[in-house]
Amino acid sequence: MKTYKIIIDTNVLYHYLDISINPKLKDFKFEEYDLYITSVSLIEAIIHFQKDINKIEKLLKPIIEEEITLIGMRFLPLSNNEINCLYYDIDTCLKNKEDIINSLLELKIEQEAGFLRWFYIMIFDVTSNMMISKRGYNFEEIKKQEYFYKTLHIMKESNLQYIYTLFQEELKTGYLENSSSDKALMLLYDLLDSTLLSFFIFYYEVKYNGKVVDKNNSLSKDLLDKISSEFNSDKYVESIKNKTFFKNIKKKSYNDNYLNSIKNIIKELNHDEVQDRLKNIGLRFIESLLKKIFIDGSKLRKNDIEDFLITQSLNLDVSDDKYLFLTLDKKFINLIEDTHPKSFEFAQKLGLTKK
């Protein structure tokens, strides 16, 4: 009887199929485990080799021959019909192989754009929560406070479709140019920095009952003097004015304040409508990812999107503690230290991490 059910990621699949060998797994006995892979990982591999149908057939062979069980993720599914049509030459397929791959790429872009928009909202909430509750950006006057909260909410909600479309366009362009990671993530940080600047402009407009930008639509010197005086930190002001706060966030940037805000947001998520879509492990992954960004100064990677979607598979059966995740991605391994400790310990035993 096999001991554990191992969910492998794309790079482990490449090793298993001798597409890309990793020496750390050369003595790993795959046959001692029940092997699984998510549709997220398999689609990632198919897209990666979209111009090489022979490689795609090689990727699908262990699924067809039931060496590896496919876990279908409902937000990024891969049907048996699509698998068969990609693997075999079937005249009755409604789409040819190229059309199937293009459809999978389109769906992948939709999901990644949705995640980036949702992550933008998360960081917007974390930052505004920290500024309001920890840095004193609120009002004693009730009417001003209510107006401030209401307008912040409108600022966020009114741009959601527009932001989603922007992410979609950048991801499409990026995949065509093979640079999807850079383009989409730079857009994320640009949007966050612009939103933070808008937060400050709006706060001071409410506070001082007037516009705080000059005729060139730039921050007025009067506003900068007020911010500098209240923060007593010219460097901090410069990062907001130049919209580089998130791009250059440092390890010691208000650690405790951000961490507390992160915890509050995660608590709220547990009572939010997203709870039905996010498993507990998914929530822990998001919390861990936010900590990495705000506390450790790490940057969000595009792989983090796929890693987050994959973590959902670790909640297949809450009564079954014999699922482990096997990845060669060191940053993902570090993230699952808090998210799924058993998988992290497994990686340590295999020498995949030094922690």
Protein backbone atom coordinates (compact mmCIF):
# COMPACT_ATOMS: atom_id res chain seq x y z
CA MET A 1 0.00 0.00 0.00
CA LYS A 2 1.37 3.40 -0.99
CA THR A 3 1.98 5.77 1.91
CA TYR A 4 1.20 9.21 0.54
CA LYS A 5 -0.63 10.89 -2.30
CA ILE A 6 1.83 13.28 -3.92
CA ILE A 7 0.59 16.29 -5.88
CA ILE A 8 3.39 17.24 -8.26
CA ASP A 9 3.88 20.58 -9.99
CA THR A 10 5.02 21.33 -13.53
CA ASN A 11 8.78 21.10 -12.91
CA VAL A 12 8.43 17.76 -11.14
CA LEU A 13 6.38 16.53 -14.10
CA TYR A 14 9.20 17.59 -16.43
CA HIS A 15 11.64 15.56 -14.31
CA TYR A 16 9.32 12.56 -14.22
CA LEU A 17 9.11 12.59 -18.02
CA ASP A 18 12.86 13.24 -18.51
CA ILE A 19 12.11 16.58 -20.17
CA SER A 20 14.23 18.45 -17.60
CA ILE A 21 16.18 16.41 -15.05
CA ASN A 22 16.74 17.68 -11.51
CA PRO A 23 19.61 15.89 -9.73
CA LYS A 24 17.92 16.30 -6.33
CA LEU A 25 15.16 13.95 -7.48
CA LYS A 26 17.36 11.36 -9.22
CA ASP A 27 16.87 8.84 -6.40
CA PHE A 28 13.23 9.72 -5.70
CA LYS A 29 11.03 6.63 -6.03
CA PHE A 30 7.87 7.89 -7.72
CA GLU A 31 6.48 4.36 -7.80
CA GLU A 32 6.11 4.38 -4.01
CA TYR A 33 3.47 7.12 -4.15
CA ASP A 34 0.09 7.76 -5.72
CA LEU A 35 0.81 10.62 -8.10
CA TYR A 36 -1.51 13.54 -8.82
CA ILE A 37 -1.25 16.73 -10.82
CA THR A 38 -3.69 19.65 -10.98
CA SER A 39 -5.22 20.91 -14.20
CA VAL A 40 -3.53 24.24 -13.34
CA SER A 41 -0.07 22.66 -13.59
CA LEU A 42 -0.89 20.59 -16.65
CA ILE A 43 -2.31 23.57 -18.53
CA GLU A 44 0.78 25.59 -17.59
CA ALA A 45 2.94 22.86 -19.18
CA ILE A 46 0.74 22.64 -22.29
CA ILE A 47 0.91 26.41 -22.80
CA HIS A 48 4.69 26.33 -22.31
CA PHE A 49 5.04 23.76 -25.10
CA GLN A 50 2.16 25.07 -27.22
CA LYS A 51 4.28 25.02 -30.40
CA ASP A 52 5.51 21.45 -29.82
CA ILE A 53 2.66 18.94 -30.15
CA ASN A 54 5.03 16.01 -29.55
CA LYS A 55 5.98 17.42 -26.13
CA ILE A 56 2.30 17.99 -25.34
CA GLU A 57 1.52 14.35 -26.17
CA LYS A 58 4.39 13.31 -23.89
CA LEU A 59 2.92 15.46 -21.07
CA LEU A 60 -0.49 13.84 -21.50
CA LYS A 61 0.68 10.23 -21.81
CA PRO A 62 0.89 9.52 -18.02
CA ILE A 63 -2.63 10.96 -17.65
CA ILE A 64 -3.98 8.82 -20.49
CA GLU A 65 -2.25 5.71 -19.12
CA GLU A 66 -3.39 6.53 -15.54
CA GLU A 67 0.10 6.73 -14.09
CA ILE A 68 -0.82 10.18 -12.77
CA THR A 69 -4.31 11.21 -11.67
CA LEU A 70 -5.53 14.59 -12.88
CA ILE A 71 -7.14 16.88 -10.29
CA GLY A 72 -9.58 19.09 -12.15
CA MET A 73 -9.67 22.60 -10.67
CA ARG A 74 -12.98 24.25 -11.45
CA PHE A 75 -11.47 27.69 -12.04
CA LEU A 76 -8.99 26.28 -14.60
CA PRO A 77 -10.38 22.93 -15.83
CA LEU A 78 -9.09 20.53 -18.46
CA SER A 79 -11.72 18.11 -19.73
CA ASN A 80 -11.23 14.48 -20.80
CA ASN A 81 -12.43 15.50 -24.24
CA GLU A 82 -9.73 18.17 -24.52
CA ILE A 83 -7.07 15.72 -23.31
CA ASN A 84 -8.14 13.06 -25.82
CA CYS A 85 -8.33 15.56 -28.68
CA LEU A 86 -4.82 16.84 -27.88
CA TYR A 87 -3.35 13.36 -27.50
CA TYR A 88 -5.08 11.43 -30.25
CA ASP A 89 -5.89 12.34 -33.85
CA ILE A 90 -9.69 12.26 -33.61
CA ASP A 91 -11.81 13.41 -36.54
CA THR A 92 -14.88 14.02 -34.35
CA CYS A 93 -13.23 16.68 -32.16
CA LEU A 94 -15.15 19.96 -32.31
CA LYS A 95 -11.89 21.95 -32.11
CA ASN A 96 -8.50 21.29 -33.61
CA LYS A 97 -5.46 21.08 -31.32
CA GLU A 98 -4.39 24.68 -31.91
CA ASP A 99 -7.88 25.98 -31.05
CA ILE A 100 -7.96 23.92 -27.85
CA ILE A 101 -4.59 25.32 -26.77
CA ASN A 102 -5.71 28.88 -27.58
CA SER A 103 -8.89 28.36 -25.53
CA LEU A 104 -6.81 27.12 -22.58
CA LEU A 105 -4.52 30.14 -22.86
CA GLU A 106 -7.50 32.50 -22.95
CA LEU A 107 -8.97 30.87 -19.84
CA LYS A 108 -5.57 31.01 -18.11
CA ILE A 109 -5.30 34.73 -18.84
CA GLU A 110 -8.81 35.32 -17.47
CA GLN A 111 -7.96 33.56 -14.21
CA GLU A 112 -4.60 35.30 -13.82
CA ALA A 113 -6.17 38.70 -14.52
CA GLY A 114 -8.86 37.93 -11.94
CA PHE A 115 -6.25 36.97 -9.36
CA LEU A 116 -4.17 40.09 -9.99
CA ARG A 117 -7.25 42.28 -9.64
CA TRP A 118 -8.23 40.50 -6.43
CA PHE A 119 -4.68 40.81 -5.10
CA TYR A 120 -4.72 44.51 -5.95
CA ILE A 121 -7.91 44.85 -3.87
CA MET A 122 -6.29 42.94 -1.00
CA ILE A 123 -3.26 45.23 -0.90
CA PHE A 124 -5.45 48.31 -1.34
CA ASP A 125 -7.44 47.18 1.71
CA VAL A 126 -4.33 46.36 3.74
CA THR A 127 -2.71 49.69 2.96
CA SER A 128 -5.78 51.86 3.55
CA ASN A 129 -6.52 49.93 6.76
CA MET A 130 -2.97 50.55 7.98
CA MET A 131 -3.04 54.24 7.03
CA ILE A 132 -6.41 54.82 8.72
CA SER A 133 -6.04 52.74 11.88
CA LYS A 134 -2.30 52.90 12.52
CA ARG A 135 -1.06 56.11 10.90
CA GLY A 136 -3.97 58.32 11.93
CA TYR A 137 -5.48 59.03 8.51
CA ASN A 138 -8.99 59.49 9.79
CA PHE A 139 -11.26 62.30 10.96
CA GLU A 140 -12.81 63.14 14.29
CA GLU A 141 -15.69 64.79 12.51
CA ILE A 142 -18.22 62.03 11.79
CA LYS A 143 -19.49 63.47 8.48
CA LYS A 144 -15.98 63.81 7.10
CA GLN A 145 -15.09 60.29 8.22
CA GLU A 146 -18.21 58.79 6.62
CA TYR A 147 -17.59 60.72 3.40
CA PHE A 148 -13.95 59.60 3.39
CA TYR A 149 -14.84 55.90 3.86
CA LYS A 150 -17.64 56.02 1.30
CA THR A 151 -15.48 57.66 -1.36
CA LEU A 152 -12.61 55.23 -0.76
CA HIS A 153 -15.04 52.37 -1.32
CA ILE A 154 -16.34 53.96 -4.53
CA MET A 155 -12.74 54.60 -5.67
CA LYS A 156 -12.03 50.91 -5.36
CA GLU A 157 -15.27 49.42 -6.68
CA SER A 158 -15.76 51.74 -9.66
CA ASN A 159 -12.48 50.73 -11.29
CA LEU A 160 -12.64 46.95 -10.90
CA GLN A 161 -13.72 46.09 -14.44
CA TYR A 162 -11.27 48.59 -15.90
CA ILE A 163 -8.42 47.13 -13.83
CA TYR A 164 -9.38 43.59 -14.85
CA THR A 165 -9.30 44.62 -18.52
CA LEU A 166 -5.88 46.25 -18.09
CA PHE A 167 -4.46 43.07 -16.58
CA GLN A 168 -5.98 40.96 -19.37
CA GLU A 169 -4.41 43.15 -22.04
CA GLU A 170 -0.98 43.12 -20.40
CA LEU A 171 -1.06 39.35 -19.93
CA LYS A 172 -2.11 38.77 -23.56
CA THR A 173 0.69 41.02 -24.80
CA GLY A 174 3.12 39.40 -22.40
CA TYR A 175 2.33 35.87 -23.52
CA LEU A 176 2.79 36.91 -27.15
CA GLU A 177 6.17 38.47 -26.28
CA ASN A 178 7.06 35.75 -23.76
CA SER A 179 7.32 38.39 -21.01
CA SER A 180 3.94 38.07 -19.27
CA SER A 181 5.49 38.14 -15.79
CA ASP A 182 7.21 41.51 -16.19
CA LYS A 183 4.38 43.36 -17.89
CA ALA A 184 1.49 42.26 -15.69
CA LEU A 185 3.37 42.65 -12.41
CA MET A 186 4.76 46.07 -13.30
CA LEU A 187 1.17 47.10 -14.02
CA LEU A 188 0.14 45.82 -10.58
CA TYR A 189 2.78 47.93 -8.82
CA ASP A 190 1.98 50.96 -11.00
CA LEU A 191 -1.69 50.69 -10.06
CA LEU A 192 -0.89 50.30 -6.37
CA ASP A 193 1.42 53.29 -6.34
CA SER A 194 -1.16 55.39 -8.22
CA THR A 195 -3.86 54.31 -5.77
CA LEU A 196 -1.71 55.18 -2.76
CA LEU A 197 -1.06 58.63 -4.21
CA SER A 198 -4.81 59.05 -4.83
CA PHE A 199 -5.47 58.03 -1.21
CA PHE A 200 -3.22 60.84 0.05
CA ILE A 201 -4.58 63.42 -2.37
CA PHE A 202 -8.16 62.61 -1.41
CA TYR A 203 -7.39 62.57 2.32
CA TYR A 204 -5.88 66.06 2.20
CA GLU A 205 -8.65 67.36 -0.03
CA VAL A 206 -11.17 66.28 2.62
CA LYS A 207 -8.98 67.55 5.44
CA TYR A 208 -8.33 70.99 3.94
CA ASN A 209 -11.61 71.35 2.00
CA GLY A 210 -10.01 71.96 -1.35
CA LYS A 211 -7.89 70.74 -4.22
CA VAL A 212 -4.31 69.83 -3.49
CA VAL A 213 -2.99 69.53 -7.03
CA ASP A 214 -1.72 72.44 -9.08
CA LYS A 215 -2.81 73.48 -12.57
CA ASN A 216 -0.41 70.92 -14.08
CA ASN A 217 -2.18 68.16 -12.13
CA SER A 218 0.89 67.73 -9.93
CA LEU A 219 0.99 67.65 -6.16
CA SER A 220 1.19 71.18 -4.83
CA LYS A 221 4.19 72.22 -2.74
CA ASP A 222 1.75 73.10 0.04
CA LEU A 223 0.56 69.50 0.20
CA LEU A 224 4.09 68.12 0.16
CA ASP A 225 5.05 70.42 3.01
CA LYS A 226 2.06 69.23 5.03
CA ILE A 227 2.83 65.55 4.37
CA SER A 228 6.50 66.06 5.13
CA SER A 229 5.69 67.90 8.33
CA GLU A 230 3.22 65.26 9.53
CA PHE A 231 5.38 62.28 8.57
CA ASN A 232 8.70 63.94 9.34
CA SER A 233 10.17 61.76 6.58
CA ASP A 234 11.20 63.36 3.30
CA LYS A 235 12.27 59.99 1.86
CA TYR A 236 8.81 58.53 2.52
CA VAL A 237 7.16 61.53 0.90
CA GLU A 238 9.38 61.22 -2.14
CA SER A 239 8.39 57.58 -2.63
CA ILE A 240 4.69 58.53 -2.62
CA LYS A 241 5.13 61.56 -4.83
CA ASN A 242 7.22 59.59 -7.35
CA LYS A 243 4.92 56.58 -7.13
CA THR A 244 7.68 54.17 -6.11
CA PHE A 245 6.41 53.18 -2.64
CA PHE A 246 5.33 49.65 -3.60
CA LYS A 247 8.04 49.16 -6.21
CA ASN A 248 10.71 49.84 -3.57
CA ILE A 249 9.04 48.64 -0.39
CA LYS A 250 11.72 47.77 2.14
CA LYS A 251 12.02 45.07 4.74
CA LYS A 252 11.44 47.43 7.69
CA SER A 253 8.57 49.45 6.25
CA TYR A 254 6.13 49.64 9.16
CA ASN A 255 6.37 45.89 9.79
CA ASP A 256 4.08 45.64 12.79
CA ASN A 257 1.46 47.94 11.29
CA TYR A 258 1.31 46.04 8.03
CA LEU A 259 1.34 42.66 9.74
CA ASN A 260 -1.57 43.62 11.98
CA SER A 261 -3.48 44.97 9.00
CA ILE A 262 -2.81 41.76 7.07
CA LYS A 263 -4.17 39.69 9.95
CA ASN A 264 -7.28 41.87 10.13
CA ILE A 265 -7.92 41.51 6.39
CA ILE A 266 -7.49 37.73 6.58
CA LYS A 267 -9.96 37.59 9.48
CA GLU A 268 -12.45 39.55 7.40
CA LEU A 269 -11.94 37.16 4.50
CA ASN A 270 -13.07 34.31 6.71
CA HIS A 271 -16.48 35.99 6.91
CA ASP A 272 -16.56 37.20 3.34
CA GLU A 273 -18.25 35.77 0.26
CA VAL A 274 -14.84 34.59 -0.98
CA GLN A 275 -14.80 31.95 1.77
CA ASP A 276 -16.83 29.66 -0.47
CA ARG A 277 -14.15 29.93 -3.16
CA LEU A 278 -11.08 29.91 -0.94
CA LYS A 279 -10.15 26.93 1.17
CA ASN A 280 -8.41 27.50 4.49
CA ILE A 281 -5.10 26.54 2.92
CA GLY A 282 -5.69 29.15 0.20
CA LEU A 283 -6.28 31.80 2.85
CA ARG A 284 -3.10 30.82 4.68
CA PHE A 285 -1.19 30.99 1.40
CA ILE A 286 -2.47 34.53 0.75
CA GLU A 287 -1.55 35.60 4.29
CA SER A 288 1.91 34.11 3.88
CA LEU A 289 2.32 35.82 0.50
CA LEU A 290 1.29 39.20 1.92
CA LYS A 291 3.79 38.78 4.74
CA LYS A 292 6.53 38.01 2.23
CA ILE A 293 5.74 41.23 0.35
CA PHE A 294 5.15 43.62 3.24
CA ILE A 295 7.42 42.17 5.88
CA ASP A 296 10.26 40.61 3.88
CA GLY A 297 10.16 43.05 0.98
CA SER A 298 9.70 40.32 -1.65
CA LYS A 299 8.08 40.98 -5.01
CA LEU A 300 4.99 39.17 -6.23
CA ARG A 301 5.91 36.67 -8.96
CA LYS A 302 3.60 35.48 -11.70
CA ASN A 303 4.29 31.93 -10.51
CA ASP A 304 2.65 32.94 -7.22
CA ILE A 305 -0.67 33.06 -9.06
CA GLU A 306 -0.36 29.47 -10.22
CA ASP A 307 0.99 28.39 -6.82
CA PHE A 308 -2.03 29.93 -5.11
CA LEU A 309 -4.46 28.14 -7.44
CA ILE A 310 -2.61 24.86 -6.86
CA THR A 311 -2.76 25.19 -3.04
CA GLN A 312 -6.53 24.86 -3.32
CA SER A 313 -5.99 21.21 -4.31
CA LEU A 314 -4.45 20.48 -0.90
CA ASN A 315 -7.94 20.73 0.61
CA LEU A 316 -9.28 17.87 -1.47
CA ASP A 317 -10.42 16.01 1.62
CA VAL A 318 -10.03 17.63 5.02
CA SER A 319 -10.26 14.21 6.71
CA ASP A 320 -7.32 12.88 4.69
CA ASP A 321 -3.92 14.13 5.90
CA LYS A 322 -1.94 12.01 3.45
CA TYR A 323 -1.76 14.54 0.62
CA LEU A 324 1.65 16.13 0.13
CA PHE A 325 2.79 18.67 -2.41
CA LEU A 326 6.08 18.21 -4.24
CA THR A 327 7.64 21.21 -5.97
CA LEU A 328 11.12 22.25 -7.10
CA ASP A 329 10.27 25.96 -6.82
CA LYS A 330 12.27 27.20 -3.80
CA LYS A 331 10.10 30.27 -3.27
CA PHE A 332 6.96 28.14 -3.33
CA ILE A 333 8.58 25.73 -0.85
CA ASN A 334 9.23 28.67 1.51
CA LEU A 335 5.62 29.81 1.17
CA ILE A 336 4.22 26.38 2.03
CA GLU A 337 6.24 26.36 5.25
CA ASP A 338 3.28 28.17 6.85
CA THR A 339 0.64 26.97 4.42
CA HIS A 340 1.18 23.20 4.51
CA PRO A 341 3.93 22.26 7.01
CA LYS A 342 3.89 18.54 6.12
CA SER A 343 4.78 19.34 2.52
CA PHE A 344 7.53 21.65 3.72
CA GLU A 345 8.98 18.92 5.95
CA PHE A 346 8.82 16.53 2.98
CA ALA A 347 10.83 19.02 0.88
CA GLN A 348 13.39 19.29 3.69
CA LYS A 349 13.86 15.51 3.81
CA LEU A 350 14.49 15.49 0.05
CA GLY A 351 17.06 18.28 0.38
CA LEU A 352 14.99 20.71 -1.66
CA THR A 353 15.35 23.46 0.95
CA LYS A 354 18.01 24.25 3.55
CA LYS A 355 15.62 25.73 6.11
